[in-house]
């Protein structure tokens, strides 16, 4: 599972994330910068540098809290 994701609607082909990725874990597909999860080291450089806020750290807090609620209700 990828830690960083791209919001396609916000990505405007500026390629700042590609230039700032220390491990070259971002490629361009159909004029959109895509994270390569197998290469990504989750450093967050692309998230910090993206002026359009098109890169986002994936969060599972909502899913975790739902699981905890279900667990508490079943006990």
C-alpha atoms as a PDB file:
ATOM      1  CA  UNK A   1       0.000   0.000   0.000  1.00  0.00           C
ATOM      2  CA  UNK A   2       1.297   3.422  -0.939  1.00  0.00           C
ATOM      3  CA  UNK A   3       1.857   5.988   1.785  1.00  0.00           C
ATOM      4  CA  UNK A   4       1.753   8.989  -0.560  1.00  0.00           C
ATOM      5  CA  UNK A   5      -0.950   9.382  -3.182  1.00  0.00           C
ATOM      6  CA  UNK A   6      -1.601  11.804  -6.040  1.00  0.00           C
ATOM      7  CA  UNK A   7      -4.884  13.664  -6.356  1.00  0.00           C
ATOM      8  CA  UNK A   8      -5.308  13.620 -10.139  1.00  0.00           C
ATOM      9  CA  UNK A   9      -7.633  16.614 -10.342  1.00  0.00           C
ATOM     10  CA  UNK A  10      -5.097  18.872  -8.630  1.00  0.00           C
ATOM     11  CA  UNK A  11      -1.921  17.773 -10.444  1.00  0.00           C
ATOM     12  CA  UNK A  12      -1.032  20.489 -12.978  1.00  0.00           C
ATOM     13  CA  UNK A  13       2.089  19.002 -14.604  1.00  0.00           C
ATOM     14  CA  UNK A  14       4.601  21.323 -12.922  1.00  0.00           C
ATOM     15  CA  UNK A  15       6.891  18.340 -12.135  1.00  0.00           C
ATOM     16  CA  UNK A  16       8.301  19.953  -8.973  1.00  0.00           C
ATOM     17  CA  UNK A  17       7.754  16.674  -7.126  1.00  0.00           C
ATOM     18  CA  UNK A  18       9.766  14.770  -9.733  1.00  0.00           C
ATOM     19  CA  UNK A  19      12.685  17.187  -9.476  1.00  0.00           C
ATOM     20  CA  UNK A  20      12.689  16.947  -5.661  1.00  0.00           C
ATOM     21  CA  UNK A  21      12.299  13.190  -5.188  1.00  0.00           C
ATOM     22  CA  UNK A  22      15.627  11.872  -3.809  1.00  0.00           C
ATOM     23  CA  UNK A  23      15.015   8.297  -5.028  1.00  0.00           C
ATOM     24  CA  UNK A  24      13.283   9.027  -8.350  1.00  0.00           C
ATOM     25  CA  UNK A  25      10.073   7.329  -7.239  1.00  0.00           C
ATOM     26  CA  UNK A  26       7.760   9.482  -9.372  1.00  0.00           C
ATOM     27  CA  UNK A  27       6.991   9.002 -13.061  1.00  0.00           C
ATOM     28  CA  UNK A  28       4.804  10.885 -15.532  1.00  0.00           C
ATOM     29  CA  UNK A  29       1.832   9.060 -17.014  1.00  0.00           C
ATOM     30  CA  UNK A  30      -0.651  10.969 -19.197  1.00  0.00           C
ATOM     31  CA  UNK A  31       0.754  14.320 -17.990  1.00  0.00           C
ATOM     32  CA  UNK A  32       0.222  13.293 -14.343  1.00  0.00           C
ATOM     33  CA  UNK A  33       2.961  12.653 -11.803  1.00  0.00           C
ATOM     34  CA  UNK A  34       2.461   9.173 -10.317  1.00  0.00           C
ATOM     35  CA  UNK A  35       4.170   7.759  -7.226  1.00  0.00           C
ATOM     36  CA  UNK A  36       5.918   4.407  -7.700  1.00  0.00           C
ATOM     37  CA  UNK A  37       5.108   2.721  -4.361  1.00  0.00           C
ATOM     38  CA  UNK A  38       7.806   0.077  -4.754  1.00  0.00           C
ATOM     39  CA  UNK A  39      10.471   2.816  -4.913  1.00  0.00           C
ATOM     40  CA  UNK A  40       8.963   5.425  -2.580  1.00  0.00           C
ATOM     41  CA  UNK A  41      10.724   5.832   0.787  1.00  0.00           C
ATOM     42  CA  UNK A  42       7.893   7.994   2.217  1.00  0.00           C
ATOM     43  CA  UNK A  43      10.144  10.963   2.920  1.00  0.00           C
ATOM     44  CA  UNK A  44       7.396  13.500   2.178  1.00  0.00           C
ATOM     45  CA  UNK A  45       9.476  15.779  -0.073  1.00  0.00           C
ATOM     46  CA  UNK A  46       6.847  15.607  -2.806  1.00  0.00           C
ATOM     47  CA  UNK A  47       4.069  16.483  -0.345  1.00  0.00           C
ATOM     48  CA  UNK A  48       5.962  19.518   0.980  1.00  0.00           C
ATOM     49  CA  UNK A  49       7.037  20.829  -2.447  1.00  0.00           C
ATOM     50  CA  UNK A  50       3.690  20.462  -4.280  1.00  0.00           C
ATOM     51  CA  UNK A  51       2.193  23.947  -4.679  1.00  0.00           C
ATOM     52  CA  UNK A  52      -1.141  22.522  -5.888  1.00  0.00           C
ATOM     53  CA  UNK A  53      -1.456  20.205  -2.857  1.00  0.00           C
ATOM     54  CA  UNK A  54      -1.836  17.304  -5.277  1.00  0.00           C
ATOM     55  CA  UNK A  55       0.307  14.963  -3.171  1.00  0.00           C
ATOM     56  CA  UNK A  56      -1.202  13.693   0.044  1.00  0.00           C
ATOM     57  CA  UNK A  57      -0.160  11.296   2.786  1.00  0.00           C
ATOM     58  CA  UNK A  58      -2.598   8.395   2.970  1.00  0.00           C
ATOM     59  CA  UNK A  59      -4.327   8.178   6.316  1.00  0.00           C
ATOM     60  CA  UNK A  60      -6.123   5.179   7.799  1.00  0.00           C
ATOM     61  CA  UNK A  61      -7.400   6.949  10.923  1.00  0.00           C
ATOM     62  CA  UNK A  62     -11.029   6.830   9.790  1.00  0.00           C
ATOM     63  CA  UNK A  63     -10.871   3.109   9.047  1.00  0.00           C
ATOM     64  CA  UNK A  64      -9.062   2.369  12.317  1.00  0.00           C
ATOM     65  CA  UNK A  65     -11.570   4.302  14.417  1.00  0.00           C
ATOM     66  CA  UNK A  66     -14.461   2.468  12.726  1.00  0.00           C
ATOM     67  CA  UNK A  67     -12.822  -0.873  13.486  1.00  0.00           C
ATOM     68  CA  UNK A  68     -12.312   0.116  17.118  1.00  0.00           C
ATOM     69  CA  UNK A  69     -15.955   1.189  17.437  1.00  0.00           C
ATOM     70  CA  UNK A  70     -17.155  -2.120  15.988  1.00  0.00           C
ATOM     71  CA  UNK A  71     -14.864  -3.991  18.343  1.00  0.00           C
ATOM     72  CA  UNK A  72     -16.125  -2.058  21.367  1.00  0.00           C
ATOM     73  CA  UNK A  73     -19.769  -2.584  20.331  1.00  0.00           C
ATOM     74  CA  UNK A  74     -19.326  -6.338  19.952  1.00  0.00           C
ATOM     75  CA  UNK A  75     -17.933  -6.762  23.480  1.00  0.00           C
END
